[in-house]
C-alpha atoms as a PDB file:
ATOM      1  CA  UNK A   1       0.024   0.033  -0.004  1.00  0.00           C
ATOM      2  CA  UNK A   2       1.377   3.400  -0.940  1.00  0.00           C
ATOM      3  CA  UNK A   3       1.293   6.127   1.603  1.00  0.00           C
ATOM      4  CA  UNK A   4       0.211   9.534   0.352  1.00  0.00           C
ATOM      5  CA  UNK A   5       1.611  12.588   2.016  1.00  0.00           C
ATOM      6  CA  UNK A   6      -0.112  15.917   1.320  1.00  0.00           C
ATOM      7  CA  UNK A   7       2.767  18.338   0.676  1.00  0.00           C
ATOM      8  CA  UNK A   8       0.779  21.247   2.141  1.00  0.00           C
ATOM      9  CA  UNK A   9       0.625  19.549   5.533  1.00  0.00           C
ATOM     10  CA  UNK A  10       3.847  17.396   5.544  1.00  0.00           C
ATOM     11  CA  UNK A  11       6.523  19.307   7.569  1.00  0.00           C
ATOM     12  CA  UNK A  12       9.510  20.179   5.612  1.00  0.00           C
ATOM     13  CA  UNK A  13      12.962  18.974   6.498  1.00  0.00           C
ATOM     14  CA  UNK A  14      14.706  22.079   7.861  1.00  0.00           C
ATOM     15  CA  UNK A  15      17.605  23.241   5.683  1.00  0.00           C
ATOM     16  CA  UNK A  16      20.060  26.157   5.610  1.00  0.00           C
ATOM     17  CA  UNK A  17      21.923  27.320   2.501  1.00  0.00           C
ATOM     18  CA  UNK A  18      24.904  29.438   2.665  1.00  0.00           C
ATOM     19  CA  UNK A  19      26.664  30.977  -0.385  1.00  0.00           C
ATOM     20  CA  UNK A  20      30.300  31.919   0.210  1.00  0.00           C
ATOM     21  CA  UNK A  21      32.387  33.577  -2.525  1.00  0.00           C
ATOM     22  CA  UNK A  22      35.737  31.755  -2.850  1.00  0.00           C
ATOM     23  CA  UNK A  23      38.578  33.235  -4.839  1.00  0.00           C
ATOM     24  CA  UNK A  24      40.564  30.059  -5.119  1.00  0.00           C
ATOM     25  CA  UNK A  25      38.545  26.918  -4.385  1.00  0.00           C
ATOM     26  CA  UNK A  26      41.478  24.487  -4.374  1.00  0.00           C
ATOM     27  CA  UNK A  27      43.401  26.446  -1.737  1.00  0.00           C
ATOM     28  CA  UNK A  28      40.400  27.616   0.460  1.00  0.00           C
ATOM     29  CA  UNK A  29      38.005  24.795   0.521  1.00  0.00           C
ATOM     30  CA  UNK A  30      39.537  22.811   3.405  1.00  0.00           C
ATOM     31  CA  UNK A  31      39.593  25.758   5.795  1.00  0.00           C
ATOM     32  CA  UNK A  32      36.061  26.898   4.688  1.00  0.00           C
ATOM     33  CA  UNK A  33      34.686  23.309   5.256  1.00  0.00           C
ATOM     34  CA  UNK A  34      36.291  23.137   8.582  1.00  0.00           C
ATOM     35  CA  UNK A  35      34.891  26.564   9.652  1.00  0.00           C
ATOM     36  CA  UNK A  36      31.448  25.642   8.543  1.00  0.00           C
ATOM     37  CA  UNK A  37      31.557  22.379  10.447  1.00  0.00           C
ATOM     38  CA  UNK A  38      32.669  24.130  13.690  1.00  0.00           C
ATOM     39  CA  UNK A  39      30.001  26.766  13.281  1.00  0.00           C
ATOM     40  CA  UNK A  40      27.094  24.419  13.001  1.00  0.00           C
ATOM     41  CA  UNK A  41      28.288  21.670  15.238  1.00  0.00           C
ATOM     42  CA  UNK A  42      26.666  23.072  18.370  1.00  0.00           C
ATOM     43  CA  UNK A  43      23.338  23.196  16.502  1.00  0.00           C
ATOM     44  CA  UNK A  44      23.504  19.398  15.834  1.00  0.00           C
ATOM     45  CA  UNK A  45      23.271  19.887  11.993  1.00  0.00           C
ATOM     46  CA  UNK A  46      25.036  18.037   9.250  1.00  0.00           C
ATOM     47  CA  UNK A  47      27.514  19.621   6.904  1.00  0.00           C
ATOM     48  CA  UNK A  48      27.419  18.764   3.183  1.00  0.00           C
ATOM     49  CA  UNK A  49      29.707  20.224   0.621  1.00  0.00           C
END
């Protein structure tokens, strides 16, 4: 049996998008990724790059 979920009443999974300008991705991505992980870890959120 398929379960139908009404999108108007189904709670959305919370998300946060952040756009950060980076001049040289190859040099800056590790530091940026680490900074983002440290910033959101107290909130109990996951970090995806």
